[in-house]
Amino acid sequence: MDSQNLSAQAPTASRDEAKNHPSRWTSAGVVHENAPHATHFTVVGNHLAQHEELSLTAIGLATHIQSLPAGSPVDIRSLARRFPEGTTRIAAALRELEAHGYLRRTRQRTAAGHVVTRTVSCNRPLGPTGGGTTPRRPRPEPEPPPRRRGTQQPPQRRREVQAPPQHRREAQDPAPRRREAHDPAPRRREPRRPAALPAVPQPAYATPDQVQTAIGILSGLRRTDTRLLISATDAEHLAPGVVTWLERDVTPDCIHRALTTLLPAEPLRRPAALLAHRLTAQLPPLPPFLPPRPTVPHPLQNCDTCDRAYRGPKPGACGGCATVAR
């Protein structure tokens, strides 16, 4: 009985319920079953995955964009072909990411003259809206210790600050200050910055060809009225409003006529503001949906020359006989 059996098997280790699976007495919640990734993974911060203001569509779209390689198309149509969400929800999610600093979209003009949109994805935007560093709050100053009854605090000594020599002279001789009061130096007026232009309607999706057509319409307004000469920056701001009109089946001639007729007689201080107001106030409604018309084939006809059957609007010669006759 006192000998040790070395061939006996070791007892089976009991499972730790806290580490392997949740206890049935604990509250219901998520349990993570994590496996390490060596390749094909993307690091996403909790400031994006647990953002309190972004929608679930915007968080998922930002995660998908950060996982794509550089140079992948992330425009609205490409994302709509990839996901079941429509262009409206994807465009709204992109605007959310752009407002919180996770996305930057800038328009640039290529050497060929086309306007393209450059998209930059930020995995950690700086500032209070993103997941970057936030300014520290100043520490509150410590309160003085409470005074005991029957004790008096020693009076604080006031430091006498001596005025510099220049202030002493002015105090002795106030005549120079009186001269400055009667003859003040002229102040420089800072140039007034022009107010921001009114907002214009935004299209559902603007193609480069539509943007180029819109800029061409805006640049051609000065040929009708020279007061409608606008800068390139104003034309870039007004181009989405013109594209919205083009999406509603309005021809460029009608847009040109709507922006140039019944203009005020007095000089125009800001023609771009007037154009932005007209693009918003006179926006036409959406065109009605028209189902495609069914095509009716031509009836069968007999050729007068070869007596073969062919389809045509009226009787006569078939295509081969007509070619030989010519």
C-alpha atoms as a PDB file:
ATOM      1  CA  MET A   1       0.000   0.000   0.000  1.00  0.00           C
ATOM      2  CA  ASP A   2       2.901   2.354   0.591  1.00  0.00           C
ATOM      3  CA  SER A   3       4.410   1.846  -2.909  1.00  0.00           C
ATOM      4  CA  GLN A   4       3.749   4.487  -5.607  1.00  0.00           C
ATOM      5  CA  ASN A   5       2.225   3.327  -8.908  1.00  0.00           C
ATOM      6  CA  LEU A   6       4.071   5.242 -11.628  1.00  0.00           C
ATOM      7  CA  SER A   7       1.988   3.787 -14.480  1.00  0.00           C
ATOM      8  CA  ALA A   8      -1.269   5.326 -13.289  1.00  0.00           C
ATOM      9  CA  GLN A   9      -2.779   8.022 -15.549  1.00  0.00           C
ATOM     10  CA  ALA A  10      -2.996  11.601 -14.384  1.00  0.00           C
ATOM     11  CA  PRO A  11      -6.475  12.825 -13.457  1.00  0.00           C
ATOM     12  CA  THR A  12      -8.359  14.777 -16.128  1.00  0.00           C
ATOM     13  CA  ALA A  13      -8.179  18.546 -15.625  1.00  0.00           C
ATOM     14  CA  SER A  14     -11.534  20.152 -15.006  1.00  0.00           C
ATOM     15  CA  ARG A  15     -12.722  22.863 -17.387  1.00  0.00           C
ATOM     16  CA  ASP A  16     -12.703  26.421 -16.202  1.00  0.00           C
ATOM     17  CA  GLU A  17     -16.208  27.653 -16.824  1.00  0.00           C
ATOM     18  CA  ALA A  18     -15.141  31.283 -16.578  1.00  0.00           C
ATOM     19  CA  LYS A  19     -12.699  30.922 -19.462  1.00  0.00           C
ATOM     20  CA  ASN A  20     -14.372  28.411 -21.790  1.00  0.00           C
ATOM     21  CA  HIS A  21     -18.049  29.258 -21.683  1.00  0.00           C
ATOM     22  CA  PRO A  22     -20.282  31.573 -19.673  1.00  0.00           C
ATOM     23  CA  SER A  23     -21.896  30.289 -16.566  1.00  0.00           C
ATOM     24  CA  ARG A  24     -25.623  29.723 -16.630  1.00  0.00           C
ATOM     25  CA  TRP A  25     -25.981  31.929 -13.546  1.00  0.00           C
ATOM     26  CA  THR A  26     -24.383  34.987 -15.218  1.00  0.00           C
ATOM     27  CA  SER A  27     -26.323  37.541 -17.264  1.00  0.00           C
ATOM     28  CA  ALA A  28     -26.763  36.886 -20.983  1.00  0.00           C
ATOM     29  CA  GLY A  29     -24.220  38.667 -23.186  1.00  0.00           C
ATOM     30  CA  VAL A  30     -21.788  38.251 -26.029  1.00  0.00           C
ATOM     31  CA  VAL A  31     -18.989  35.685 -25.829  1.00  0.00           C
ATOM     32  CA  HIS A  32     -15.942  36.170 -28.041  1.00  0.00           C
ATOM     33  CA  GLU A  33     -14.344  33.190 -29.708  1.00  0.00           C
ATOM     34  CA  ASN A  34     -11.218  34.799 -31.157  1.00  0.00           C
ATOM     35  CA  ALA A  35      -8.701  33.182 -33.482  1.00  0.00           C
ATOM     36  CA  PRO A  36      -5.415  34.919 -34.344  1.00  0.00           C
ATOM     37  CA  HIS A  37      -5.032  36.243 -37.899  1.00  0.00           C
ATOM     38  CA  ALA A  38      -1.671  36.063 -39.639  1.00  0.00           C
ATOM     39  CA  THR A  39      -2.731  37.391 -43.077  1.00  0.00           C
ATOM     40  CA  HIS A  40      -5.720  39.073 -44.739  1.00  0.00           C
ATOM     41  CA  PHE A  41      -6.871  41.225 -41.835  1.00  0.00           C
ATOM     42  CA  THR A  42      -7.504  44.932 -41.193  1.00  0.00           C
ATOM     43  CA  VAL A  43      -6.995  46.816 -37.915  1.00  0.00           C
ATOM     44  CA  VAL A  44     -10.026  48.963 -37.024  1.00  0.00           C
ATOM     45  CA  GLY A  45     -10.063  51.153 -33.930  1.00  0.00           C
ATOM     46  CA  ASN A  46     -12.801  51.054 -31.315  1.00  0.00           C
ATOM     47  CA  HIS A  47     -13.377  54.766 -31.889  1.00  0.00           C
ATOM     48  CA  LEU A  48     -14.903  53.740 -35.250  1.00  0.00           C
ATOM     49  CA  ALA A  49     -16.458  50.394 -34.351  1.00  0.00           C
ATOM     50  CA  GLN A  50     -18.147  51.868 -31.232  1.00  0.00           C
ATOM     51  CA  HIS A  51     -18.833  55.381 -32.518  1.00  0.00           C
ATOM     52  CA  GLU A  52     -21.812  56.936 -30.763  1.00  0.00           C
ATOM     53  CA  GLU A  53     -22.939  59.264 -33.598  1.00  0.00           C
ATOM     54  CA  LEU A  54     -22.295  57.233 -36.761  1.00  0.00           C
ATOM     55  CA  SER A  55     -24.957  54.930 -38.141  1.00  0.00           C
ATOM     56  CA  LEU A  56     -24.396  51.213 -38.581  1.00  0.00           C
ATOM     57  CA  THR A  57     -24.251  51.637 -42.360  1.00  0.00           C
ATOM     58  CA  ALA A  58     -21.540  54.287 -42.063  1.00  0.00           C
ATOM     59  CA  ILE A  59     -19.461  52.157 -39.651  1.00  0.00           C
ATOM     60  CA  GLY A  60     -19.666  49.111 -41.925  1.00  0.00           C
ATOM     61  CA  LEU A  61     -18.887  51.194 -45.020  1.00  0.00           C
ATOM     62  CA  ALA A  62     -15.840  52.765 -43.336  1.00  0.00           C
ATOM     63  CA  THR A  63     -14.572  49.316 -42.333  1.00  0.00           C
ATOM     64  CA  HIS A  64     -15.008  48.059 -45.902  1.00  0.00           C
ATOM     65  CA  ILE A  65     -13.206  51.078 -47.394  1.00  0.00           C
ATOM     66  CA  GLN A  66     -10.262  50.699 -44.970  1.00  0.00           C
ATOM     67  CA  SER A  67      -9.888  47.042 -45.971  1.00  0.00           C
ATOM     68  CA  LEU A  68      -9.610  47.835 -49.707  1.00  0.00           C
ATOM     69  CA  PRO A  69      -6.203  48.214 -51.370  1.00  0.00           C
ATOM     70  CA  ALA A  70      -5.056  51.598 -52.623  1.00  0.00           C
ATOM     71  CA  GLY A  71      -6.596  52.623 -55.933  1.00  0.00           C
ATOM     72  CA  SER A  72      -9.863  50.693 -55.516  1.00  0.00           C
ATOM     73  CA  PRO A  73     -13.005  52.528 -56.717  1.00  0.00           C
ATOM     74  CA  VAL A  74     -15.131  53.778 -53.815  1.00  0.00           C
ATOM     75  CA  ASP A  75     -17.646  55.902 -55.677  1.00  0.00           C
ATOM     76  CA  ILE A  76     -21.362  55.568 -55.017  1.00  0.00           C
ATOM     77  CA  ARG A  77     -22.149  53.422 -58.060  1.00  0.00           C
ATOM     78  CA  SER A  78     -19.305  50.960 -57.382  1.00  0.00           C
ATOM     79  CA  LEU A  79     -20.389  50.564 -53.753  1.00  0.00           C
ATOM     80  CA  ALA A  80     -24.057  50.180 -54.781  1.00  0.00           C
ATOM     81  CA  ARG A  81     -23.092  47.333 -57.142  1.00  0.00           C
ATOM     82  CA  ARG A  82     -21.202  45.653 -54.302  1.00  0.00           C
ATOM     83  CA  PHE A  83     -23.798  46.003 -51.489  1.00  0.00           C
ATOM     84  CA  PRO A  84     -27.597  45.662 -51.427  1.00  0.00           C
ATOM     85  CA  GLU A  85     -28.044  49.207 -50.025  1.00  0.00           C
ATOM     86  CA  GLY A  86     -29.115  51.740 -52.608  1.00  0.00           C
ATOM     87  CA  THR A  87     -27.297  54.847 -53.762  1.00  0.00           C
ATOM     88  CA  THR A  88     -29.250  57.068 -51.354  1.00  0.00           C
ATOM     89  CA  ARG A  89     -28.189  55.226 -48.197  1.00  0.00           C
ATOM     90  CA  ILE A  90     -24.597  54.861 -49.392  1.00  0.00           C
ATOM     91  CA  ALA A  91     -24.395  58.579 -50.229  1.00  0.00           C
ATOM     92  CA  ALA A  92     -25.768  59.459 -46.774  1.00  0.00           C
ATOM     93  CA  ALA A  93     -23.224  57.150 -45.097  1.00  0.00           C
ATOM     94  CA  LEU A  94     -20.356  58.738 -47.059  1.00  0.00           C
ATOM     95  CA  ARG A  95     -21.520  62.186 -45.936  1.00  0.00           C
ATOM     96  CA  GLU A  96     -21.528  60.982 -42.301  1.00  0.00           C
ATOM     97  CA  LEU A  97     -17.951  59.695 -42.604  1.00  0.00           C
ATOM     98  CA  GLU A  98     -16.890  62.931 -44.276  1.00  0.00           C
ATOM     99  CA  ALA A  99     -18.492  65.015 -41.498  1.00  0.00           C
ATOM    100  CA  HIS A 100     -16.681  63.050 -38.753  1.00  0.00           C
ATOM    101  CA  GLY A 101     -13.281  63.126 -40.478  1.00  0.00           C
ATOM    102  CA  TYR A 102     -13.048  59.483 -41.588  1.00  0.00           C
ATOM    103  CA  LEU A 103     -13.264  60.444 -45.271  1.00  0.00           C
ATOM    104  CA  ARG A 104     -12.008  63.373 -47.367  1.00  0.00           C
ATOM    105  CA  ARG A 105     -13.298  63.953 -50.887  1.00  0.00           C
ATOM    106  CA  THR A 106     -11.778  66.642 -53.080  1.00  0.00           C
ATOM    107  CA  ARG A 107     -12.402  67.444 -56.720  1.00  0.00           C
ATOM    108  CA  GLN A 108      -9.419  67.888 -58.997  1.00  0.00           C
ATOM    109  CA  ARG A 109      -9.076  68.714 -62.653  1.00  0.00           C
ATOM    110  CA  THR A 110      -6.918  66.405 -64.763  1.00  0.00           C
ATOM    111  CA  ALA A 111      -4.600  67.428 -67.591  1.00  0.00           C
ATOM    112  CA  ALA A 112      -7.302  66.418 -70.092  1.00  0.00           C
ATOM    113  CA  GLY A 113      -9.765  68.865 -68.504  1.00  0.00           C
ATOM    114  CA  HIS A 114     -11.946  66.315 -66.697  1.00  0.00           C
ATOM    115  CA  VAL A 115     -13.033  66.804 -63.085  1.00  0.00           C
ATOM    116  CA  VAL A 116     -12.370  63.748 -60.902  1.00  0.00           C
ATOM    117  CA  THR A 117     -13.066  63.097 -57.209  1.00  0.00           C
ATOM    118  CA  ARG A 118     -10.140  62.049 -55.037  1.00  0.00           C
ATOM    119  CA  THR A 119     -11.088  60.079 -51.904  1.00  0.00           C
ATOM    120  CA  VAL A 120      -8.803  59.763 -48.860  1.00  0.00           C
ATOM    121  CA  SER A 121      -9.730  57.281 -46.078  1.00  0.00           C
ATOM    122  CA  CYS A 122      -8.473  58.069 -42.551  1.00  0.00           C
ATOM    123  CA  ASN A 123      -8.326  55.186 -40.086  1.00  0.00           C
ATOM    124  CA  ARG A 124      -7.853  57.584 -37.170  1.00  0.00           C
ATOM    125  CA  PRO A 125      -8.954  61.178 -37.799  1.00  0.00           C
ATOM    126  CA  LEU A 126      -7.649  63.859 -35.486  1.00  0.00           C
ATOM    127  CA  GLY A 127      -9.891  66.236 -33.590  1.00  0.00           C
ATOM    128  CA  PRO A 128     -12.739  65.964 -31.118  1.00  0.00           C
ATOM    129  CA  THR A 129     -15.135  64.419 -33.663  1.00  0.00           C
ATOM    130  CA  GLY A 130     -12.819  61.588 -34.636  1.00  0.00           C
ATOM    131  CA  GLY A 131     -10.803  59.109 -32.660  1.00  0.00           C
ATOM    132  CA  GLY A 132      -7.687  61.219 -32.273  1.00  0.00           C
ATOM    133  CA  THR A 133      -6.321  62.999 -29.285  1.00  0.00           C
ATOM    134  CA  THR A 134      -8.572  65.432 -27.440  1.00  0.00           C
ATOM    135  CA  PRO A 135      -7.355  68.431 -25.471  1.00  0.00           C
ATOM    136  CA  ARG A 136      -6.846  67.786 -21.789  1.00  0.00           C
ATOM    137  CA  ARG A 137      -9.013  69.567 -19.284  1.00  0.00           C
ATOM    138  CA  PRO A 138      -7.201  71.935 -16.969  1.00  0.00           C
ATOM    139  CA  ARG A 139      -6.824  70.645 -13.450  1.00  0.00           C
ATOM    140  CA  PRO A 140      -8.886  72.488 -10.856  1.00  0.00           C
ATOM    141  CA  GLU A 141      -6.904  74.629  -8.496  1.00  0.00           C
ATOM    142  CA  PRO A 142      -6.681  73.238  -4.939  1.00  0.00           C
ATOM    143  CA  GLU A 143      -8.979  74.946  -2.490  1.00  0.00           C
ATOM    144  CA  PRO A 144      -7.349  76.751   0.461  1.00  0.00           C
ATOM    145  CA  PRO A 145      -7.483  74.931   3.808  1.00  0.00           C
ATOM    146  CA  PRO A 146     -10.403  75.904   6.078  1.00  0.00           C
ATOM    147  CA  ARG A 147      -9.757  78.562   8.673  1.00  0.00           C
ATOM    148  CA  ARG A 148      -9.926  77.666  12.320  1.00  0.00           C
ATOM    149  CA  ARG A 149     -11.974  79.663  14.701  1.00  0.00           C
ATOM    150  CA  GLY A 150     -10.084  82.140  16.802  1.00  0.00           C
ATOM    151  CA  THR A 151      -7.126  82.392  14.424  1.00  0.00           C
ATOM    152  CA  GLN A 152      -6.311  85.333  12.214  1.00  0.00           C
ATOM    153  CA  GLN A 153      -4.446  85.025   8.965  1.00  0.00           C
ATOM    154  CA  PRO A 154      -1.426  87.251   8.590  1.00  0.00           C
ATOM    155  CA  PRO A 155      -2.135  90.208   6.320  1.00  0.00           C
ATOM    156  CA  GLN A 156      -0.722  89.841   2.833  1.00  0.00           C
ATOM    157  CA  ARG A 157       1.897  92.313   1.922  1.00  0.00           C
ATOM    158  CA  ARG A 158       1.283  94.327  -1.169  1.00  0.00           C
ATOM    159  CA  ARG A 159       4.172  94.620  -3.521  1.00  0.00           C
ATOM    160  CA  GLU A 160       4.763  98.071  -4.797  1.00  0.00           C
ATOM    161  CA  VAL A 161       5.481  97.853  -8.480  1.00  0.00           C
ATOM    162  CA  GLN A 162       7.492 100.695  -9.781  1.00  0.00           C
ATOM    163  CA  ALA A 163       6.418 102.039 -13.131  1.00  0.00           C
ATOM    164  CA  PRO A 164       8.986 102.012 -15.942  1.00  0.00           C
ATOM    165  CA  PRO A 165      10.723 105.289 -16.759  1.00  0.00           C
ATOM    166  CA  GLN A 166       8.549 105.905 -19.801  1.00  0.00           C
ATOM    167  CA  HIS A 167       5.320 105.782 -17.758  1.00  0.00           C
ATOM    168  CA  ARG A 168       6.863 108.102 -15.180  1.00  0.00           C
ATOM    169  CA  ARG A 169       7.549 110.721 -17.825  1.00  0.00           C
ATOM    170  CA  GLU A 170       3.997 110.464 -19.116  1.00  0.00           C
ATOM    171  CA  ALA A 171       2.664 110.880 -15.593  1.00  0.00           C
ATOM    172  CA  GLN A 172       4.831 113.979 -15.082  1.00  0.00           C
ATOM    173  CA  ASP A 173       4.123 115.484 -18.497  1.00  0.00           C
ATOM    174  CA  PRO A 174       0.654 114.514 -19.874  1.00  0.00           C
ATOM    175  CA  ALA A 175       1.022 116.818 -22.856  1.00  0.00           C
ATOM    176  CA  PRO A 176       2.168 114.072 -25.326  1.00  0.00           C
ATOM    177  CA  ARG A 177      -0.884 111.965 -24.505  1.00  0.00           C
ATOM    178  CA  ARG A 178      -3.169 114.946 -25.117  1.00  0.00           C
ATOM    179  CA  ARG A 179      -1.547 115.479 -28.517  1.00  0.00           C
ATOM    180  CA  GLU A 180      -2.143 111.816 -29.431  1.00  0.00           C
ATOM    181  CA  ALA A 181      -5.806 112.158 -28.422  1.00  0.00           C
ATOM    182  CA  HIS A 182      -6.254 115.176 -30.720  1.00  0.00           C
ATOM    183  CA  ASP A 183      -4.245 113.635 -33.603  1.00  0.00           C
ATOM    184  CA  PRO A 184      -4.863 109.842 -33.592  1.00  0.00           C
ATOM    185  CA  ALA A 185      -3.025 107.634 -36.082  1.00  0.00           C
ATOM    186  CA  PRO A 186      -5.190 106.238 -38.914  1.00  0.00           C
ATOM    187  CA  ARG A 187      -6.289 102.642 -38.350  1.00  0.00           C
ATOM    188  CA  ARG A 188      -5.988 100.047 -41.057  1.00  0.00           C
ATOM    189  CA  ARG A 189      -9.268  98.549 -42.080  1.00  0.00           C
ATOM    190  CA  GLU A 190      -9.212  94.830 -42.699  1.00  0.00           C
ATOM    191  CA  PRO A 191     -10.787  93.742 -45.990  1.00  0.00           C
ATOM    192  CA  ARG A 192     -14.275  92.321 -45.538  1.00  0.00           C
ATOM    193  CA  ARG A 193     -14.601  88.718 -46.553  1.00  0.00           C
ATOM    194  CA  PRO A 194     -17.559  87.930 -48.796  1.00  0.00           C
ATOM    195  CA  ALA A 195     -20.320  85.858 -47.244  1.00  0.00           C
ATOM    196  CA  ALA A 196     -20.628  82.211 -48.173  1.00  0.00           C
ATOM    197  CA  LEU A 197     -22.765  81.351 -51.176  1.00  0.00           C
ATOM    198  CA  PRO A 198     -26.216  79.820 -50.584  1.00  0.00           C
ATOM    199  CA  ALA A 199     -26.476  76.058 -50.755  1.00  0.00           C
ATOM    200  CA  VAL A 200     -27.515  74.471 -54.055  1.00  0.00           C
ATOM    201  CA  PRO A 201     -29.390  71.184 -54.656  1.00  0.00           C
ATOM    202  CA  GLN A 202     -27.152  68.114 -54.576  1.00  0.00           C
ATOM    203  CA  PRO A 203     -27.568  65.368 -57.211  1.00  0.00           C
ATOM    204  CA  ALA A 204     -27.938  61.685 -56.419  1.00  0.00           C
ATOM    205  CA  TYR A 205     -24.805  60.873 -58.426  1.00  0.00           C
ATOM    206  CA  ALA A 206     -22.728  63.255 -60.537  1.00  0.00           C
ATOM    207  CA  THR A 207     -20.720  61.750 -63.372  1.00  0.00           C
ATOM    208  CA  PRO A 208     -17.640  63.579 -64.724  1.00  0.00           C
ATOM    209  CA  ASP A 209     -19.441  64.205 -68.035  1.00  0.00           C
ATOM    210  CA  GLN A 210     -22.386  65.829 -66.268  1.00  0.00           C
ATOM    211  CA  VAL A 211     -20.090  68.031 -64.160  1.00  0.00           C
ATOM    212  CA  GLN A 212     -18.212  69.113 -67.313  1.00  0.00           C
ATOM    213  CA  THR A 213     -21.531  69.929 -69.017  1.00  0.00           C
ATOM    214  CA  ALA A 214     -22.684  71.925 -65.965  1.00  0.00           C
ATOM    215  CA  ILE A 215     -19.468  73.977 -65.893  1.00  0.00           C
ATOM    216  CA  GLY A 216     -19.862  74.626 -69.617  1.00  0.00           C
ATOM    217  CA  ILE A 217     -23.417  75.922 -69.046  1.00  0.00           C
ATOM    218  CA  LEU A 218     -22.262  78.233 -66.241  1.00  0.00           C
ATOM    219  CA  SER A 219     -19.299  79.576 -68.213  1.00  0.00           C
ATOM    220  CA  GLY A 220     -21.548  80.317 -71.202  1.00  0.00           C
ATOM    221  CA  LEU A 221     -23.938  82.562 -69.263  1.00  0.00           C
ATOM    222  CA  ARG A 222     -21.696  85.611 -69.751  1.00  0.00           C
ATOM    223  CA  ARG A 223     -22.278  85.456 -73.503  1.00  0.00           C
ATOM    224  CA  THR A 224     -25.927  86.325 -72.920  1.00  0.00           C
ATOM    225  CA  ASP A 225     -25.318  88.835 -70.108  1.00  0.00           C
ATOM    226  CA  THR A 226     -21.820  90.064 -69.237  1.00  0.00           C
ATOM    227  CA  ARG A 227     -22.883  90.592 -65.599  1.00  0.00           C
ATOM    228  CA  LEU A 228     -23.063  86.803 -65.142  1.00  0.00           C
ATOM    229  CA  LEU A 229     -19.274  86.390 -65.232  1.00  0.00           C
ATOM    230  CA  ILE A 230     -18.352  84.094 -62.310  1.00  0.00           C
ATOM    231  CA  SER A 231     -15.082  82.668 -61.032  1.00  0.00           C
ATOM    232  CA  ALA A 232     -13.912  79.066 -61.239  1.00  0.00           C
ATOM    233  CA  THR A 233     -14.527  78.583 -57.505  1.00  0.00           C
ATOM    234  CA  ASP A 234     -18.128  79.793 -57.808  1.00  0.00           C
ATOM    235  CA  ALA A 235     -18.676  77.566 -60.858  1.00  0.00           C
ATOM    236  CA  GLU A 236     -17.448  74.537 -58.892  1.00  0.00           C
ATOM    237  CA  HIS A 237     -19.895  75.416 -56.096  1.00  0.00           C
ATOM    238  CA  LEU A 238     -22.851  75.828 -58.505  1.00  0.00           C
ATOM    239  CA  ALA A 239     -22.080  72.777 -60.679  1.00  0.00           C
ATOM    240  CA  PRO A 240     -23.940  70.233 -58.442  1.00  0.00           C
ATOM    241  CA  GLY A 241     -27.105  72.331 -58.703  1.00  0.00           C
ATOM    242  CA  VAL A 242     -26.936  72.303 -62.511  1.00  0.00           C
ATOM    243  CA  VAL A 243     -26.293  68.531 -62.482  1.00  0.00           C
ATOM    244  CA  THR A 244     -29.477  68.121 -60.405  1.00  0.00           C
ATOM    245  CA  TRP A 245     -31.423  69.895 -63.157  1.00  0.00           C
ATOM    246  CA  LEU A 246     -29.809  67.648 -65.778  1.00  0.00           C
ATOM    247  CA  GLU A 247     -30.866  64.565 -63.792  1.00  0.00           C
ATOM    248  CA  ARG A 248     -34.479  65.760 -64.046  1.00  0.00           C
ATOM    249  CA  ASP A 249     -34.431  65.632 -67.866  1.00  0.00           C
ATOM    250  CA  VAL A 250     -33.914  69.391 -68.331  1.00  0.00           C
ATOM    251  CA  THR A 251     -31.909  70.298 -71.436  1.00  0.00           C
ATOM    252  CA  PRO A 252     -28.905  72.659 -71.250  1.00  0.00           C
ATOM    253  CA  ASP A 253     -30.783  75.247 -73.343  1.00  0.00           C
ATOM    254  CA  CYS A 254     -33.660  75.305 -70.842  1.00  0.00           C
ATOM    255  CA  ILE A 255     -31.229  75.715 -67.943  1.00  0.00           C
ATOM    256  CA  HIS A 256     -29.474  78.570 -69.754  1.00  0.00           C
ATOM    257  CA  ARG A 257     -32.816  80.264 -70.421  1.00  0.00           C
ATOM    258  CA  ALA A 258     -33.990  79.865 -66.799  1.00  0.00           C
ATOM    259  CA  LEU A 259     -30.791  81.430 -65.412  1.00  0.00           C
ATOM    260  CA  THR A 260     -30.605  84.387 -67.826  1.00  0.00           C
ATOM    261  CA  THR A 261     -34.218  85.579 -68.287  1.00  0.00           C
ATOM    262  CA  LEU A 262     -35.880  88.333 -66.228  1.00  0.00           C
ATOM    263  CA  LEU A 263     -32.690  89.525 -64.579  1.00  0.00           C
ATOM    264  CA  PRO A 264     -32.842  92.693 -62.430  1.00  0.00           C
ATOM    265  CA  ALA A 265     -31.910  95.965 -64.150  1.00  0.00           C
ATOM    266  CA  GLU A 266     -29.555  97.211 -61.404  1.00  0.00           C
ATOM    267  CA  PRO A 267     -25.921  96.021 -61.304  1.00  0.00           C
ATOM    268  CA  LEU A 268     -25.352  92.572 -59.846  1.00  0.00           C
ATOM    269  CA  ARG A 269     -22.993  92.608 -56.856  1.00  0.00           C
ATOM    270  CA  ARG A 270     -22.764  88.837 -56.524  1.00  0.00           C
ATOM    271  CA  PRO A 271     -24.027  87.026 -59.640  1.00  0.00           C
ATOM    272  CA  ALA A 272     -23.091  83.631 -58.164  1.00  0.00           C
ATOM    273  CA  ALA A 273     -25.489  84.173 -55.234  1.00  0.00           C
ATOM    274  CA  LEU A 274     -28.306  85.021 -57.668  1.00  0.00           C
ATOM    275  CA  LEU A 275     -27.618  81.875 -59.699  1.00  0.00           C
ATOM    276  CA  ALA A 276     -27.569  79.728 -56.533  1.00  0.00           C
ATOM    277  CA  HIS A 277     -30.950  81.179 -55.509  1.00  0.00           C
ATOM    278  CA  ARG A 278     -32.485  80.473 -58.920  1.00  0.00           C
ATOM    279  CA  LEU A 279     -31.122  76.914 -59.023  1.00  0.00           C
ATOM    280  CA  THR A 280     -32.812  76.234 -55.662  1.00  0.00           C
ATOM    281  CA  ALA A 281     -36.046  78.226 -56.006  1.00  0.00           C
ATOM    282  CA  GLN A 282     -36.844  77.203 -59.605  1.00  0.00           C
ATOM    283  CA  LEU A 283     -35.858  73.528 -59.286  1.00  0.00           C
ATOM    284  CA  PRO A 284     -38.258  71.528 -61.509  1.00  0.00           C
ATOM    285  CA  PRO A 285     -40.036  68.428 -60.133  1.00  0.00           C
ATOM    286  CA  LEU A 286     -38.962  64.911 -60.918  1.00  0.00           C
ATOM    287  CA  PRO A 287     -40.153  63.669 -64.317  1.00  0.00           C
ATOM    288  CA  PRO A 288     -42.971  61.086 -64.294  1.00  0.00           C
ATOM    289  CA  PHE A 289     -42.069  57.461 -64.783  1.00  0.00           C
ATOM    290  CA  LEU A 290     -42.972  56.332 -68.310  1.00  0.00           C
ATOM    291  CA  PRO A 291     -42.923  52.570 -69.018  1.00  0.00           C
ATOM    292  CA  PRO A 292     -41.099  51.570 -72.197  1.00  0.00           C
ATOM    293  CA  ARG A 293     -43.314  51.372 -75.251  1.00  0.00           C
ATOM    294  CA  PRO A 294     -43.636  47.894 -76.819  1.00  0.00           C
ATOM    295  CA  THR A 295     -42.135  47.679 -80.291  1.00  0.00           C
ATOM    296  CA  VAL A 296     -44.480  46.327 -82.977  1.00  0.00           C
ATOM    297  CA  PRO A 297     -42.703  44.550 -85.869  1.00  0.00           C
ATOM    298  CA  HIS A 298     -43.490  45.511 -89.454  1.00  0.00           C
ATOM    299  CA  PRO A 299     -45.952  43.240 -91.352  1.00  0.00           C
ATOM    300  CA  LEU A 300     -44.784  40.680 -93.881  1.00  0.00           C
ATOM    301  CA  GLN A 301     -44.648  41.874 -97.497  1.00  0.00           C
ATOM    302  CA  ASN A 302     -43.935  39.994-100.788  1.00  0.00           C
ATOM    303  CA  CYS A 303     -41.153  41.351-102.948  1.00  0.00           C
ATOM    304  CA  ASP A 304     -42.378  42.520-106.362  1.00  0.00           C
ATOM    305  CA  THR A 305     -39.164  41.298-108.031  1.00  0.00           C
ATOM    306  CA  CYS A 306     -38.220  37.952-106.436  1.00  0.00           C
ATOM    307  CA  ASP A 307     -41.557  37.210-104.719  1.00  0.00           C
ATOM    308  CA  ARG A 308     -39.791  36.609-101.367  1.00  0.00           C
ATOM    309  CA  ALA A 309     -41.310  37.530 -98.032  1.00  0.00           C
ATOM    310  CA  TYR A 310     -39.783  40.358 -96.040  1.00  0.00           C
ATOM    311  CA  ARG A 311     -40.884  42.690 -93.260  1.00  0.00           C
ATOM    312  CA  GLY A 312     -41.434  46.302 -94.180  1.00  0.00           C
ATOM    313  CA  PRO A 313     -43.806  49.215 -93.602  1.00  0.00           C
ATOM    314  CA  LYS A 314     -45.175  49.100 -97.160  1.00  0.00           C
ATOM    315  CA  PRO A 315     -45.042  46.715-100.155  1.00  0.00           C
ATOM    316  CA  GLY A 316     -42.255  46.996-102.694  1.00  0.00           C
ATOM    317  CA  ALA A 317     -38.830  45.415-103.228  1.00  0.00           C
ATOM    318  CA  CYS A 318     -36.817  43.610-100.563  1.00  0.00           C
ATOM    319  CA  GLY A 319     -33.413  44.815 -99.432  1.00  0.00           C
ATOM    320  CA  GLY A 320     -31.408  42.749-101.913  1.00  0.00           C
ATOM    321  CA  CYS A 321     -33.547  43.649-104.928  1.00  0.00           C
ATOM    322  CA  ALA A 322     -33.564  47.324-103.961  1.00  0.00           C
ATOM    323  CA  THR A 323     -29.761  47.334-103.771  1.00  0.00           C
ATOM    324  CA  VAL A 324     -29.473  45.699-107.227  1.00  0.00           C
ATOM    325  CA  ALA A 325     -31.969  48.190-108.663  1.00  0.00           C
ATOM    326  CA  ARG A 326     -29.894  51.123-107.384  1.00  0.00           C
END
